Amino acid sequence: MTKIWSATFQEIPFEVYQYKTSKGGLGYLISASGQAVAIDIIDGPLLVEELEKNHLILSALLLTGYDEDHIEGATYLKEKTECLVIGPPHKEYAFLDQDVADGEENSIGPFSFIVYTMPGCEQDHACYFFSECLALFCGDSMNHSSCKKSLDLPDQLYFEAVQRIKKLPPKTLLFWGHDPQWGEDHSILRSLGEEVLLNPFLRAQTPGEFITLCENSD
């Protein structure tokens, strides 16, 4: 696990750690004031070890979706830390403690976040915007210069979801759930403003433009 970002907001220092999986997935841990929130997890024992090493108490695990490379370590992590497991509604997983809904605001310890439902590899997918430190954990919904297409959701609704994300502050940092170019340095962060300039999906101005991009992408 690697620390990839740190900053101080309202005299509270925040840090973000990133962990990778062999399948190219990316998970995160955001910490402040001795507490932490994890975003997606595959290796529960590794994360518990890192929490102990850094003297952090895990308050919650936020799930962006339910692909195996996002949730494989959820049950272990819940048993070992007694953290809350929070994510979009899903009836098949008993480890989920709390559902989230679009536009919902939550507070956990020193953290506050807003939920944005947005398609990833599946329709039931959520992004988490930590408003106090301008950090967006995107899960599968976006990658560097591209977007993840959901086969379950019409492209028109996908376009509308992207437009809502574009209204966040341009300085918002984006933390991806995957990157198609696995050889890249995943610790190099982009702001939303930079991504809007570089990502053709975010530059699309009309549903028609966006749908054409989706139809021509793989």
Protein backbone atom coordinates (compact mmCIF):
# COMPACT_ATOMS: atom_id res chain seq x y z
CA MET A 1 0.00 0.00 0.00
CA THR A 2 1.42 3.38 -1.03
CA LYS A 3 0.64 6.88 0.18
CA ILE A 4 -0.20 8.85 -2.95
CA TRP A 5 -1.69 12.09 -1.61
CA SER A 6 -1.77 14.27 1.49
CA ALA A 7 -3.14 17.72 2.26
CA THR A 8 -4.54 19.77 5.14
CA PHE A 9 -8.08 21.16 5.15
CA GLN A 10 -9.47 23.22 8.02
CA GLU A 11 -6.36 22.29 10.03
CA ILE A 12 -7.07 18.55 9.60
CA PRO A 13 -4.43 16.54 7.69
CA PHE A 14 -5.83 14.03 5.20
CA GLU A 15 -3.91 11.19 3.54
CA VAL A 16 -4.86 8.74 0.80
CA TYR A 17 -3.20 5.35 0.39
CA GLN A 18 -3.61 3.21 -2.71
CA TYR A 19 -3.43 -0.57 -3.02
CA LYS A 20 -3.39 -2.61 -6.22
CA THR A 21 -4.57 -6.06 -7.23
CA SER A 22 -3.06 -8.51 -9.70
CA LYS A 23 -6.06 -7.88 -11.99
CA GLY A 24 -5.33 -4.18 -12.30
CA GLY A 25 -7.87 -3.05 -9.71
CA LEU A 26 -7.20 -0.13 -7.38
CA GLY A 27 -8.51 0.34 -3.84
CA TYR A 28 -7.96 3.21 -1.42
CA LEU A 29 -7.73 4.18 2.23
CA ILE A 30 -8.41 7.78 3.27
CA SER A 31 -7.33 8.75 6.77
CA ALA A 32 -7.61 11.73 9.11
CA SER A 33 -7.30 12.20 12.88
CA GLY A 34 -6.42 8.54 13.42
CA GLN A 35 -9.53 7.26 11.65
CA ALA A 36 -9.83 5.76 8.19
CA VAL A 37 -12.34 4.81 5.52
CA ALA A 38 -11.52 2.18 2.90
CA ILE A 39 -12.90 2.32 -0.64
CA ASP A 40 -13.17 -1.15 -2.23
CA ILE A 41 -11.10 -4.08 -1.00
CA ILE A 42 -9.71 -7.37 -2.28
CA ASP A 43 -6.93 -8.20 0.23
CA GLY A 44 -8.41 -7.95 3.72
CA PRO A 45 -5.36 -9.26 5.66
CA LEU A 46 -3.06 -6.78 3.91
CA LEU A 47 -5.30 -3.85 4.78
CA VAL A 48 -5.63 -4.93 8.43
CA GLU A 49 -1.84 -5.13 8.63
CA GLU A 50 -1.51 -1.62 7.20
CA LEU A 51 -4.12 -0.24 9.61
CA GLU A 52 -2.20 -1.65 12.57
CA LYS A 53 1.13 -0.40 11.24
CA ASN A 54 -0.22 3.13 10.81
CA HIS A 55 -2.24 3.09 14.07
CA LEU A 56 -5.51 3.72 12.27
CA ILE A 57 -9.04 2.75 13.27
CA LEU A 58 -11.18 1.72 10.30
CA SER A 59 -14.64 3.26 10.58
CA ALA A 60 -16.17 2.12 7.30
CA LEU A 61 -15.66 0.31 4.02
CA LEU A 62 -17.32 2.00 1.06
CA LEU A 63 -18.08 -0.24 -1.92
CA THR A 64 -18.44 1.31 -5.35
CA GLY A 65 -19.81 -1.90 -6.88
CA TYR A 66 -19.88 -5.67 -6.54
CA ASP A 67 -17.33 -7.07 -8.97
CA GLU A 68 -15.12 -9.59 -7.17
CA ASP A 69 -12.05 -7.36 -7.47
CA HIS A 70 -13.89 -4.73 -5.38
CA ILE A 71 -15.39 -6.83 -2.59
CA GLU A 72 -13.36 -10.02 -2.12
CA GLY A 73 -11.92 -8.91 1.22
CA ALA A 74 -15.10 -7.30 2.60
CA THR A 75 -16.21 -10.13 4.89
CA TYR A 76 -12.73 -10.58 6.39
CA LEU A 77 -12.33 -6.84 6.93
CA LYS A 78 -15.70 -6.53 8.64
CA GLU A 79 -14.97 -9.44 10.98
CA LYS A 80 -11.53 -8.13 11.95
CA THR A 81 -12.31 -4.41 12.34
CA GLU A 82 -16.10 -4.30 12.94
CA CYS A 83 -16.28 -1.50 10.39
CA LEU A 84 -19.54 -0.52 8.70
CA VAL A 85 -19.84 -1.83 5.14
CA ILE A 86 -21.66 0.69 2.96
CA GLY A 87 -22.60 0.49 -0.71
CA PRO A 88 -25.33 0.60 -3.36
CA PRO A 89 -28.30 -1.71 -2.65
CA HIS A 90 -27.63 -5.39 -3.30
CA LYS A 91 -29.71 -8.26 -1.94
CA GLU A 92 -27.10 -10.98 -2.43
CA TYR A 93 -24.47 -9.80 0.06
CA ALA A 94 -25.13 -10.24 3.78
CA PHE A 95 -22.07 -8.19 4.76
CA LEU A 96 -23.70 -4.92 3.62
CA ASP A 97 -24.74 -2.81 6.64
CA GLN A 98 -26.05 0.30 4.94
CA ASP A 99 -27.42 1.11 1.49
CA VAL A 100 -26.64 4.41 -0.21
CA ALA A 101 -28.85 6.45 -2.52
CA ASP A 102 -28.05 9.07 -5.12
CA GLY A 103 -27.43 12.51 -3.62
CA GLU A 104 -27.27 11.16 -0.07
CA GLU A 105 -24.90 12.91 2.34
CA ASN A 106 -23.11 10.92 5.05
CA SER A 107 -20.74 11.71 7.89
CA ILE A 108 -18.34 9.21 9.47
CA GLY A 109 -15.90 10.54 12.03
CA PRO A 110 -13.93 13.41 10.44
CA PHE A 111 -15.21 12.54 6.97
CA SER A 112 -18.26 13.70 5.08
CA PHE A 113 -19.15 12.43 1.61
CA ILE A 114 -21.88 12.71 -1.01
CA VAL A 115 -23.03 9.70 -3.02
CA TYR A 116 -23.33 9.87 -6.80
CA THR A 117 -24.86 6.84 -8.46
CA MET A 118 -23.14 6.30 -11.79
CA PRO A 119 -22.70 3.29 -14.05
CA GLY A 120 -19.54 1.25 -13.92
CA CYS A 121 -19.24 -2.33 -15.16
CA GLU A 122 -22.71 -2.76 -13.66
CA GLN A 123 -25.77 -0.59 -13.13
CA ASP A 124 -25.60 -0.63 -9.32
CA HIS A 125 -22.57 1.54 -8.86
CA ALA A 126 -21.69 4.50 -6.64
CA CYS A 127 -19.03 7.20 -6.56
CA TYR A 128 -18.11 8.95 -3.31
CA PHE A 129 -17.25 12.66 -3.21
CA PHE A 130 -15.40 13.70 -0.05
CA SER A 131 -16.41 17.34 -0.08
CA GLU A 132 -14.08 18.69 2.62
CA CYS A 133 -10.93 17.59 0.77
CA LEU A 134 -12.23 17.58 -2.84
CA ALA A 135 -11.63 13.88 -3.54
CA LEU A 136 -13.83 11.72 -5.78
CA PHE A 137 -13.50 7.93 -5.60
CA CYS A 138 -14.81 6.86 -9.00
CA GLY A 139 -14.69 3.07 -8.87
CA ASP A 140 -15.35 1.67 -12.35
CA SER A 141 -17.24 4.69 -13.65
CA MET A 142 -14.22 6.48 -15.17
CA ASN A 143 -10.61 5.79 -16.10
CA HIS A 144 -7.82 7.98 -17.40
CA SER A 145 -9.26 9.54 -20.58
CA SER A 146 -12.11 7.05 -20.87
CA CYS A 147 -15.33 5.84 -19.25
CA LYS A 148 -16.57 2.40 -18.30
CA LYS A 149 -19.65 1.40 -20.28
CA SER A 150 -22.46 -0.37 -18.41
CA LEU A 151 -24.31 -2.89 -20.55
CA ASP A 152 -27.29 -2.60 -18.19
CA LEU A 153 -27.87 1.14 -18.53
CA PRO A 154 -28.98 3.16 -21.60
CA ASP A 155 -26.28 5.51 -22.87
CA GLN A 156 -28.64 8.50 -22.42
CA LEU A 157 -28.74 7.89 -18.66
CA TYR A 158 -25.00 7.35 -18.62
CA PHE A 159 -24.54 10.76 -20.30
CA GLU A 160 -26.75 12.43 -17.69
CA ALA A 161 -24.75 10.84 -14.87
CA VAL A 162 -21.48 12.13 -16.36
CA GLN A 163 -22.90 15.65 -16.60
CA ARG A 164 -23.61 15.66 -12.87
CA ILE A 165 -20.05 14.64 -12.07
CA LYS A 166 -18.75 17.45 -14.30
CA LYS A 167 -20.45 20.00 -12.03
CA LEU A 168 -18.15 19.16 -9.13
CA PRO A 169 -15.32 21.65 -8.42
CA PRO A 170 -12.62 21.48 -11.15
CA LYS A 171 -9.91 21.00 -8.48
CA THR A 172 -11.53 17.72 -7.35
CA LEU A 173 -8.96 14.90 -7.49
CA LEU A 174 -10.05 11.65 -9.16
CA PHE A 175 -9.19 8.29 -7.65
CA TRP A 176 -9.86 5.50 -10.15
CA GLY A 177 -10.97 1.92 -9.54
CA HIS A 178 -9.08 0.68 -12.60
CA ASP A 179 -6.81 1.94 -15.30
CA PRO A 180 -6.81 0.32 -18.75
CA GLN A 181 -3.14 1.20 -19.17
CA TRP A 182 -1.80 -0.96 -16.36
CA GLY A 183 1.77 0.08 -17.04
CA GLU A 184 1.02 3.65 -15.97
CA ASP A 185 2.04 5.13 -12.65
CA HIS A 186 -1.30 5.03 -10.85
CA SER A 187 -0.05 7.47 -8.22
CA ILE A 188 -0.12 10.32 -10.76
CA LEU A 189 -3.39 12.07 -10.02
CA ARG A 190 -5.61 14.16 -12.25
CA SER A 191 -8.08 16.82 -11.28
CA LEU A 192 -11.58 16.83 -12.71
CA GLY A 193 -10.71 19.98 -14.65
CA GLU A 194 -7.77 18.22 -16.31
CA GLU A 195 -9.85 15.13 -17.04
CA VAL A 196 -12.58 17.17 -18.74
CA LEU A 197 -9.92 18.49 -21.13
CA LEU A 198 -8.43 15.06 -21.85
CA ASN A 199 -11.38 12.67 -21.71
CA PRO A 200 -13.54 12.63 -24.89
CA PHE A 201 -16.48 11.19 -22.92
CA LEU A 202 -16.42 14.18 -20.57
CA ARG A 203 -15.99 16.62 -23.46
CA ALA A 204 -19.15 15.38 -25.22
CA GLN A 205 -21.74 18.17 -25.19
CA THR A 206 -24.83 16.26 -26.31
CA PRO A 207 -26.31 12.80 -25.73
CA GLY A 208 -25.75 12.08 -29.43
CA GLU A 209 -22.01 12.75 -29.20
CA PHE A 210 -21.75 10.64 -26.07
CA ILE A 211 -23.73 7.73 -27.50
CA THR A 212 -21.53 7.71 -30.62
CA LEU A 213 -18.45 7.47 -28.42
CA CYS A 214 -20.00 4.57 -26.48
CA GLU A 215 -20.91 2.74 -29.67
CA ASN A 216 -17.39 3.09 -31.06
CA SER A 217 -15.54 2.19 -27.85
CA ASP A 218 -14.51 -1.27 -26.70
